Protein backbone atom coordinates (compact mmCIF):
# COMPACT_ATOMS: atom_id res chain seq x y z
CA MET A 1 9.18 -26.81 73.03
CA ILE A 2 11.92 -28.90 71.23
CA SER A 3 9.49 -30.82 69.24
CA ARG A 4 7.57 -27.51 68.14
CA LEU A 5 11.10 -26.17 66.99
CA LEU A 6 11.97 -29.14 65.15
CA ARG A 7 8.85 -29.18 63.20
CA HIS A 8 9.43 -25.35 62.38
CA ALA A 9 11.61 -24.82 59.37
CA ALA A 10 13.73 -22.28 61.50
CA GLY A 11 14.44 -24.74 63.90
CA ILE A 12 15.60 -27.43 61.31
CA LYS A 13 17.80 -24.67 59.65
CA VAL A 14 19.44 -24.08 62.80
CA LEU A 15 20.45 -27.53 63.50
CA VAL A 16 21.54 -27.91 59.90
CA LEU A 17 23.60 -24.78 60.11
CA LYS A 18 25.22 -25.84 63.58
CA GLY A 19 26.07 -29.09 61.90
CA THR A 20 27.65 -27.15 59.07
CA GLU A 21 29.58 -24.98 61.54
CA ALA A 22 31.06 -28.03 63.12
CA LEU A 23 31.94 -29.78 60.08
CA ALA A 24 33.15 -26.52 58.32
CA GLY A 25 35.52 -25.62 61.26
CA ALA A 26 36.63 -29.33 61.44
CA ALA A 27 37.29 -29.43 57.79
CA MET A 28 39.30 -26.03 57.60
CA THR A 29 41.36 -27.13 60.38
CA ILE A 30 42.24 -30.66 59.12
CA TYR A 31 42.84 -29.31 55.55
CA LEU A 32 45.21 -26.47 56.46
CA ALA A 33 47.00 -28.86 58.78
CA ARG A 34 47.61 -31.39 55.92
CA ILE A 35 48.70 -28.61 53.64
CA LEU A 36 51.09 -26.73 56.12
CA GLY A 37 52.37 -29.48 58.12
CA PRO A 38 52.39 -29.97 62.13
CA ALA A 39 55.05 -26.93 62.62
CA GLU A 40 53.57 -24.28 60.32
CA PHE A 41 50.05 -25.23 61.08
CA GLY A 42 51.01 -24.92 65.04
CA VAL A 43 52.09 -21.33 64.29
CA PHE A 44 48.54 -20.57 62.64
CA ALA A 45 46.72 -22.27 65.39
CA PHE A 46 48.60 -20.26 68.17
CA GLY A 47 47.85 -16.86 66.45
CA LEU A 48 44.22 -17.94 65.73
CA ALA A 49 43.72 -18.84 69.48
CA THR A 50 45.37 -15.67 70.79
CA ILE A 51 43.22 -13.51 68.45
CA MET A 52 40.09 -15.18 69.62
CA LEU A 53 40.97 -14.24 73.10
CA LEU A 54 41.65 -10.55 72.18
CA ALA A 55 38.26 -10.55 70.34
CA ILE A 56 36.25 -11.51 73.47
CA PRO A 57 35.23 -8.29 74.90
CA ILE A 58 33.20 -7.42 71.81
CA LYS A 59 32.65 -10.35 69.61
CA ASN A 60 31.35 -12.34 72.60
CA GLY A 61 30.67 -10.12 75.61
CA ALA A 62 28.87 -7.13 73.96
CA SER A 63 27.26 -9.45 71.38
CA THR A 64 25.61 -11.68 73.93
CA LEU A 65 24.28 -8.38 75.77
CA ILE A 66 23.02 -6.95 72.57
CA THR A 67 21.20 -10.15 71.96
CA LYS A 68 19.45 -9.67 75.31
CA HIS A 69 18.42 -6.32 74.55
CA VAL A 70 17.22 -6.43 71.05
CA ALA A 71 15.10 -9.38 72.02
CA ILE A 72 13.66 -7.17 74.94
CA ALA A 73 13.17 -4.30 72.37
CA ARG A 74 10.98 -6.58 69.85
CA GLU A 75 8.57 -7.30 72.94
CA GLY A 76 7.64 -3.56 72.73
CA ASN A 77 10.10 -1.94 75.30
CA GLY A 78 13.80 -1.69 75.75
CA ALA A 79 14.70 -0.04 72.39
CA ALA A 80 16.15 2.95 74.29
CA GLN A 81 18.62 0.80 75.66
CA ALA A 82 19.60 -1.40 72.65
CA SER A 83 20.25 1.26 70.00
CA PRO A 84 22.86 3.27 72.13
CA LEU A 85 24.51 -0.21 73.11
CA LEU A 86 24.81 -1.00 69.59
CA LYS A 87 26.06 2.59 68.42
CA THR A 88 28.46 2.93 71.22
CA GLY A 89 29.57 -0.73 70.78
CA ILE A 90 30.68 -0.19 67.16
CA ARG A 91 32.75 2.73 68.00
CA LEU A 92 34.46 1.41 70.98
CA SER A 93 35.22 -1.78 69.20
CA LEU A 94 36.97 -0.09 66.39
CA ILE A 95 39.07 1.86 68.91
CA TYR A 96 39.91 -1.07 70.86
CA ALA A 97 40.99 -2.97 67.84
CA SER A 98 43.11 -0.37 66.52
CA ALA A 99 44.93 -0.13 69.75
CA ILE A 100 45.64 -3.75 69.80
CA ILE A 101 46.82 -3.72 66.12
CA MET A 102 49.26 -0.82 66.73
CA ALA A 103 50.49 -2.39 70.08
CA LEU A 104 51.26 -5.84 68.37
CA TRP A 105 52.89 -4.32 65.26
CA GLY A 106 54.88 -2.06 67.51
CA ALA A 107 56.12 -5.02 69.42
CA VAL A 108 57.16 -6.81 66.10
CA MET A 109 59.11 -3.72 64.96
CA MET A 110 61.03 -3.37 68.10
CA SER A 111 61.76 -7.02 68.76
CA ASP A 112 65.39 -7.88 67.90
CA SER A 113 64.85 -11.43 67.15
CA GLU A 114 62.01 -12.97 65.01
CA ASN A 115 59.60 -14.70 66.96
CA VAL A 116 56.99 -16.61 64.68
CA PHE A 117 54.39 -16.64 67.41
CA ILE A 118 54.44 -13.10 67.97
CA ALA A 119 54.63 -12.42 64.23
CA SER A 120 51.52 -14.72 63.75
CA VAL A 121 49.53 -12.71 66.49
CA ALA A 122 50.31 -9.32 64.77
CA VAL A 123 49.16 -10.61 61.37
CA PHE A 124 46.09 -12.14 62.73
CA SER A 125 45.36 -8.93 64.58
CA LEU A 126 44.24 -7.33 61.29
CA VAL A 127 41.35 -9.37 61.23
CA LEU A 128 40.21 -7.96 64.81
CA PRO A 129 38.27 -5.10 63.88
CA LEU A 130 36.13 -7.31 61.47
CA LEU A 131 35.69 -10.01 64.00
CA CYS A 132 34.26 -7.52 66.47
CA VAL A 133 31.72 -5.74 64.21
CA THR A 134 30.41 -8.98 62.89
CA GLY A 135 30.06 -10.24 66.58
CA LEU A 136 27.88 -7.15 67.20
CA MET A 137 25.80 -7.72 64.26
CA GLU A 138 25.60 -11.63 65.03
CA GLY A 139 24.02 -10.27 68.41
CA VAL A 140 21.55 -8.20 66.43
CA LEU A 141 20.53 -11.14 64.42
CA ARG A 142 20.08 -13.55 67.36
CA GLY A 143 17.89 -10.90 69.32
CA SER A 144 15.79 -10.45 66.13
CA PHE A 145 15.03 -14.09 66.37
CA ARG A 146 17.31 -14.92 63.13
CA PRO A 147 19.52 -17.69 64.81
CA ASN A 148 20.13 -19.32 61.29
CA ALA A 149 21.52 -15.99 59.93
CA ALA A 150 23.47 -15.25 63.27
CA ILE A 151 25.27 -18.75 62.98
CA LEU A 152 25.94 -18.23 59.43
CA VAL A 153 27.85 -14.91 59.76
CA GLY A 154 29.16 -15.86 63.31
CA THR A 155 30.65 -19.20 62.81
CA VAL A 156 29.90 -20.92 59.54
CA LEU A 157 31.06 -18.77 56.60
CA VAL A 158 34.44 -17.71 57.50
CA PRO A 159 35.88 -21.34 57.75
CA LEU A 160 33.99 -22.19 54.98
CA LEU A 161 35.15 -19.67 52.76
CA VAL A 162 38.77 -20.19 54.18
CA LEU A 163 38.34 -23.89 53.13
CA VAL A 164 37.40 -23.23 49.66
CA VAL A 165 40.01 -20.68 49.02
CA ALA A 166 42.62 -22.93 50.68
CA PHE A 167 41.70 -25.89 48.29
CA LEU A 168 42.07 -23.30 45.15
CA LEU A 169 45.30 -22.10 46.27
CA THR A 170 46.74 -25.11 47.69
CA GLU A 171 50.19 -24.95 45.96
CA GLN A 172 50.62 -21.26 46.97
CA MET A 173 49.83 -21.95 50.43
CA ARG A 174 52.30 -24.84 50.84
CA ALA A 175 54.86 -22.62 49.33
CA GLU A 176 54.35 -19.58 51.45
CA GLY A 177 53.37 -21.17 54.86
CA TRP A 178 51.31 -19.94 57.60
CA ALA A 179 51.39 -16.23 56.69
CA TYR A 180 49.47 -16.95 53.57
CA ALA A 181 46.72 -18.79 55.46
CA VAL A 182 46.30 -15.95 57.81
CA TYR A 183 45.79 -13.50 54.86
CA ILE A 184 43.15 -15.88 53.50
CA TYR A 185 41.49 -15.87 56.92
CA ILE A 186 41.55 -12.04 56.96
CA GLY A 187 40.08 -11.75 53.57
CA ALA A 188 37.20 -14.12 54.51
CA GLY A 189 36.62 -12.12 57.55
CA ALA A 190 36.21 -8.98 55.45
CA ALA A 191 33.69 -10.64 53.32
CA ILE A 192 31.67 -12.04 55.97
CA THR A 193 31.50 -8.44 57.87
CA ILE A 194 30.13 -6.85 54.63
CA LEU A 195 27.53 -9.68 54.62
CA SER A 196 26.65 -9.37 58.42
CA ILE A 197 26.00 -5.65 58.00
CA THR A 198 23.87 -6.25 54.93
CA LEU A 199 21.73 -8.93 56.65
CA THR A 200 21.21 -6.71 59.89
CA TRP A 201 20.45 -3.64 58.11
CA PRO A 202 16.63 -3.87 58.20
CA TYR A 203 16.72 -4.47 61.97
CA LEU A 204 19.28 -1.73 62.59
CA ARG A 205 16.96 0.74 60.83
CA SER A 206 14.12 -0.33 62.93
CA LEU A 207 16.07 -0.07 66.23
CA PHE A 208 17.31 3.37 65.28
CA SER A 209 13.96 4.73 64.30
CA GLN A 210 12.49 3.88 67.83
CA HIS A 211 15.49 5.46 69.53
CA ASP A 212 14.87 8.96 71.23
CA GLY A 213 18.42 10.29 70.39
CA SER A 214 19.99 9.80 73.75
CA SER A 215 23.43 8.54 73.99
CA MET A 216 25.74 6.26 76.03
CA ASN A 217 29.08 7.19 77.12
CA GLY A 218 31.86 4.66 77.16
CA THR A 219 31.90 4.10 80.97
CA GLU A 220 28.40 3.23 81.16
CA TRP A 221 28.66 0.94 78.07
CA LEU A 222 31.76 -0.88 79.67
CA SER A 223 29.85 -1.41 82.81
CA LEU A 224 26.97 -3.10 81.11
CA VAL A 225 29.19 -5.17 79.00
CA ALA A 226 31.94 -6.24 81.31
CA PRO A 227 29.97 -8.91 83.08
CA PHE A 228 28.93 -10.65 79.80
CA ALA A 229 32.51 -10.14 78.46
CA ILE A 230 34.04 -11.59 81.44
CA VAL A 231 31.97 -14.64 81.59
CA THR A 232 32.19 -15.57 77.72
CA GLY A 233 35.84 -14.29 77.90
CA LEU A 234 36.68 -16.96 80.58
CA LEU A 235 34.94 -19.55 78.58
CA ILE A 236 36.93 -18.98 75.59
CA PHE A 237 40.01 -18.48 77.66
CA ASN A 238 39.58 -22.08 79.07
CA ARG A 239 39.09 -23.40 75.40
CA GLN A 240 42.25 -21.67 73.89
CA ILE A 241 44.73 -21.42 76.87
CA ASP A 242 45.78 -25.10 76.43
CA THR A 243 46.78 -24.38 72.59
CA ILE A 244 48.77 -21.14 73.65
CA LEU A 245 50.55 -22.74 76.59
CA LEU A 246 51.43 -25.96 74.56
CA GLY A 247 52.97 -23.85 71.73
CA THR A 248 55.06 -21.92 74.33
CA LEU A 249 56.08 -24.70 76.43
CA ALA A 250 56.49 -27.58 73.97
CA GLY A 251 56.57 -26.11 70.40
CA GLU A 252 54.88 -25.56 67.08
CA LYS A 253 54.48 -29.03 66.31
CA GLU A 254 52.80 -30.13 69.19
CA ALA A 255 50.44 -27.12 69.08
CA GLY A 256 49.46 -28.20 65.53
CA ILE A 257 48.73 -31.84 66.58
CA TYR A 258 46.74 -30.78 69.67
CA ARG A 259 44.68 -28.28 67.72
CA ILE A 260 43.31 -31.10 65.60
CA ALA A 261 42.28 -32.88 68.62
CA ALA A 262 40.77 -29.94 70.37
CA GLN A 263 38.85 -28.98 67.04
CA ALA A 264 37.36 -32.46 66.56
CA SER A 265 36.11 -32.70 70.26
CA VAL A 266 33.96 -29.71 69.98
CA LEU A 267 31.78 -31.87 67.74
CA VAL A 268 30.43 -33.24 71.07
CA THR A 269 29.04 -30.00 72.04
CA PHE A 270 27.16 -29.42 68.65
CA GLY A 271 23.73 -30.09 70.24
CA MET A 272 24.37 -27.92 73.26
CA GLN A 273 25.47 -25.08 70.97
CA ALA A 274 22.30 -25.62 68.58
CA ILE A 275 19.58 -25.66 71.27
CA GLY A 276 21.52 -22.68 73.10
CA HIS A 277 21.24 -20.47 69.84
CA LEU A 278 17.15 -21.45 69.59
CA TYR A 279 16.55 -20.75 73.18
CA ALA A 280 18.56 -17.66 73.71
CA PRO A 281 15.92 -15.08 72.78
CA TYR A 282 13.13 -17.11 74.75
CA LEU A 283 15.29 -17.23 77.83
CA ALA A 284 15.99 -13.57 77.71
CA THR A 285 12.00 -12.81 77.70
CA ALA A 286 11.04 -15.38 80.04
CA ASP A 287 8.79 -14.25 82.53
CA LYS A 288 10.82 -14.14 86.13
CA THR A 289 7.74 -14.65 88.13
CA ALA A 290 7.53 -18.32 86.58
CA ALA A 291 11.07 -18.74 85.91
CA SER A 292 11.74 -21.95 88.00
CA SER A 293 9.14 -24.20 86.23
CA LYS A 294 9.73 -22.43 82.78
CA ILE A 295 13.62 -22.73 82.81
CA SER A 296 13.41 -26.26 84.26
CA GLY A 297 11.55 -27.18 81.26
CA TYR A 298 13.83 -25.55 78.72
CA LEU A 299 16.75 -27.31 80.70
CA ARG A 300 15.50 -30.57 80.78
CA LYS A 301 14.40 -30.94 77.12
CA SER A 302 17.77 -29.22 76.02
CA VAL A 303 19.71 -31.67 78.02
CA LEU A 304 18.00 -34.67 76.21
CA PHE A 305 18.64 -32.99 72.75
CA SER A 306 22.38 -32.16 73.57
CA VAL A 307 23.26 -35.44 74.88
CA ALA A 308 21.70 -37.28 72.15
CA PHE A 309 23.91 -35.51 69.52
CA GLY A 310 27.02 -35.40 71.99
CA GLY A 311 26.76 -39.03 72.53
CA LEU A 312 26.55 -39.86 68.83
CA ALA A 313 29.49 -37.65 68.16
CA LEU A 314 31.67 -39.29 70.88
CA ILE A 315 30.74 -42.81 69.81
CA SER A 316 31.55 -41.98 66.13
CA LEU A 317 34.84 -40.18 66.68
CA ALA A 318 35.76 -43.24 68.91
CA LEU A 319 35.12 -45.74 66.25
CA TRP A 320 36.32 -43.96 63.31
CA GLY A 321 38.33 -40.87 64.52
CA ASP A 322 41.79 -42.51 63.99
CA GLU A 323 41.06 -43.49 60.44
CA VAL A 324 39.35 -39.98 59.89
CA ILE A 325 42.81 -38.30 61.10
CA ARG A 326 44.91 -40.54 59.17
CA GLN A 327 42.94 -40.16 55.93
CA LEU A 328 42.31 -36.38 56.08
CA ALA A 329 45.24 -34.77 57.96
CA GLY A 330 47.66 -37.46 57.49
CA PRO A 331 49.42 -40.09 59.61
CA GLU A 332 51.95 -37.49 61.23
CA TYR A 333 48.72 -36.34 63.29
CA LEU A 334 47.59 -39.67 64.63
CA GLU A 335 49.03 -38.55 68.05
CA ALA A 336 46.08 -36.50 68.26
CA TYR A 337 43.49 -39.46 68.52
CA PRO A 338 43.80 -40.52 72.10
CA VAL A 339 43.87 -36.85 73.08
CA MET A 340 40.71 -36.11 71.13
CA LEU A 341 39.01 -38.91 72.96
CA VAL A 342 39.84 -37.79 76.33
CA LEU A 343 38.69 -34.03 75.25
CA CYS A 344 35.34 -35.49 73.78
CA THR A 345 34.56 -37.48 77.19
CA ALA A 346 35.12 -34.22 78.91
CA ASN A 347 32.89 -32.20 76.47
CA LEU A 348 30.15 -34.69 77.33
CA ALA A 349 29.84 -33.20 80.65
CA VAL A 350 29.19 -29.78 78.90
CA ALA A 351 26.33 -31.43 76.79
CA VAL A 352 24.80 -32.88 79.94
CA ASN A 353 23.98 -29.45 81.02
CA GLY A 354 22.03 -28.31 77.85
CA ALA A 355 21.32 -24.83 77.84
CA THR A 356 22.11 -24.27 81.35
CA MET A 357 24.75 -21.58 80.51
CA GLN A 358 22.48 -19.57 78.16
CA ALA A 359 19.65 -19.61 80.77
CA LEU A 360 22.16 -18.08 83.36
CA TYR A 361 23.37 -15.35 80.90
CA MET A 362 19.82 -14.50 79.58
CA GLN A 363 18.37 -14.17 83.15
CA GLY A 364 20.92 -12.04 84.57
CA HIS A 365 23.35 -14.15 86.58
CA GLN A 366 26.26 -13.62 84.66
CA LYS A 367 28.43 -12.12 87.67
CA ARG A 368 28.17 -15.44 89.61
CA THR A 369 28.72 -17.33 86.48
CA ALA A 370 31.98 -15.74 86.01
CA TRP A 371 33.36 -16.82 89.17
CA ILE A 372 32.78 -20.41 88.14
CA PHE A 373 34.82 -19.84 84.83
CA PHE A 374 37.47 -17.69 86.70
CA ALA A 375 38.16 -20.54 89.04
CA ALA A 376 38.14 -23.26 86.07
CA GLY A 377 40.44 -20.86 84.21
CA VAL A 378 43.09 -20.67 87.17
CA LEU A 379 42.85 -24.44 87.44
CA SER A 380 43.28 -24.85 83.73
CA VAL A 381 46.42 -22.64 83.58
CA ILE A 382 48.07 -24.19 86.69
CA ALA A 383 47.39 -27.66 85.43
CA ASN A 384 48.52 -27.03 81.96
CA ALA A 385 51.67 -25.24 83.21
CA SER A 386 52.34 -28.09 85.47
CA LEU A 387 51.66 -31.19 83.22
CA ILE A 388 52.76 -29.95 79.74
CA PRO A 389 56.54 -29.98 80.24
CA TYR A 390 56.21 -33.69 81.45
CA LEU A 391 53.38 -35.17 79.36
CA GLY A 392 53.22 -32.78 76.46
CA ILE A 393 49.92 -32.91 74.57
CA ASN A 394 48.52 -35.60 76.94
CA GLY A 395 49.20 -33.26 79.82
CA ALA A 396 47.29 -30.42 78.05
CA ALA A 397 44.41 -33.00 77.38
CA ILE A 398 44.16 -34.00 80.95
CA ALA A 399 44.56 -30.51 82.46
CA THR A 400 41.82 -29.02 79.91
CA SER A 401 39.32 -31.87 80.55
CA THR A 402 39.51 -31.23 84.32
CA ALA A 403 38.90 -27.57 83.66
CA ILE A 404 35.94 -28.55 81.47
CA VAL A 405 34.28 -30.84 84.03
CA THR A 406 34.84 -28.39 86.76
CA TRP A 407 33.05 -25.61 85.09
CA SER A 408 30.20 -27.83 83.98
CA LEU A 409 29.65 -28.99 87.42
CA GLY A 410 29.81 -25.48 88.66
CA LEU A 411 27.24 -24.26 86.12
CA ARG A 412 24.87 -26.88 87.03
CA TRP A 413 25.34 -26.22 90.67
CA LEU A 414 24.51 -22.56 90.25
CA ALA A 415 21.44 -23.20 87.90
CA CYS A 416 20.12 -25.32 90.56
CA ASP A 417 20.98 -22.94 93.41
CA VAL A 418 19.39 -19.83 91.25
CA TRP A 419 15.94 -22.01 90.30
CA GLN A 420 15.62 -24.40 93.02
CA LEU A 421 16.14 -27.44 90.86
CA SER A 422 17.37 -30.89 91.54
CA PHE A 423 20.95 -31.29 90.60
CA LEU A 424 20.20 -34.84 89.05
CA THR A 425 17.07 -34.14 87.10
CA LEU A 426 16.92 -30.27 86.83
CA SER A 427 13.24 -30.57 87.92
CA PRO A 428 11.86 -27.93 90.35
CA ARG A 429 12.68 -29.17 93.97
CA LEU A 430 8.98 -28.37 95.08
CA GLN A 431 7.48 -30.16 92.47
CA GLU A 432 9.58 -33.40 93.25
CA GLN A 433 8.37 -32.94 96.97
CA LYS A 434 4.80 -33.09 96.08
CA PRO A 435 3.20 -36.48 96.86
């Protein structure tokens, strides 16, 4: 399957775009860190991490559900579900984002003292409706077997556009600080939202033309979205809570330095993310009567692919990461190097699972998956809150790495239990028992 995808132009594009995503995100983070300095960049990173958590229910949860149902609709049935899911999702996402914006700006106006962290989240909240709508459009594109376009609008173009504008307005950003960087991010989000609607318009017309006109109320929509939102939300929570707690407990500078390490460590999961995007629609439409053998084949091949990329990234960052940080971000960020290696090593456990998480999502096991991420999230909060006051960014790295390894082992155990696979090889157990 992987070899066929790699020989296909679309497969090559997905891999190139996922590589561009990783590099664009890292480049944006490093360049903003260099321009703003550790303290100002720490405020920016805190606001971005928090707003990503607030965007979870729509951008990640509803987007994943829409991917599944749009893919099913393309197989000849399910359009009656996909269309109302999308229409109701757009309406509720705008209501949700508006409520968040009003609550945050109300908190800022009623606050007696100026808290830069609250102010950062309030300003960042203006991008929330844009992130939500783009997330829904991203789901349509993935479900329509357009993973390259989904990656572009979902994760590549915003950091790339921010990077370009920041480069052109470097002096203004140095003078204005974190708020100027946030406004640039909001502007980039608006441009990409318009692009995402343009790209999805032909698929939206097709979906809506097949729909019989029935509607979906908010309660029904939330009941369908909730399991996906909880699972993806807990995943992103585990990825962002360390930065938030570090900023709260240790300060802006520490949060800024740590964000550099965390961003770089994500490069190790590039292969897993790429193969997950490629496999998502195939996993959604896999025949459940032959799921064990099919899923096993997908998973084993995806593990080889993701580990190859993850191992290469880990070795490269171990050899040259400190020099890259020194040259690109500045010597004041060198403290991030050992933290980055700890997080990279933990992320290799994610790569070893391949497309396991996507398989569980697409095959309807998101509720059990949510419990794994919930347990890892509780562990992460307790460990971060306990270690950060004593060990600073090193404590955050240890706590977060422990949570990452915990959820990776949990997902592998769940997949093996669901499809009766070997924990070590992911081969069907019945197959291994044959002489």
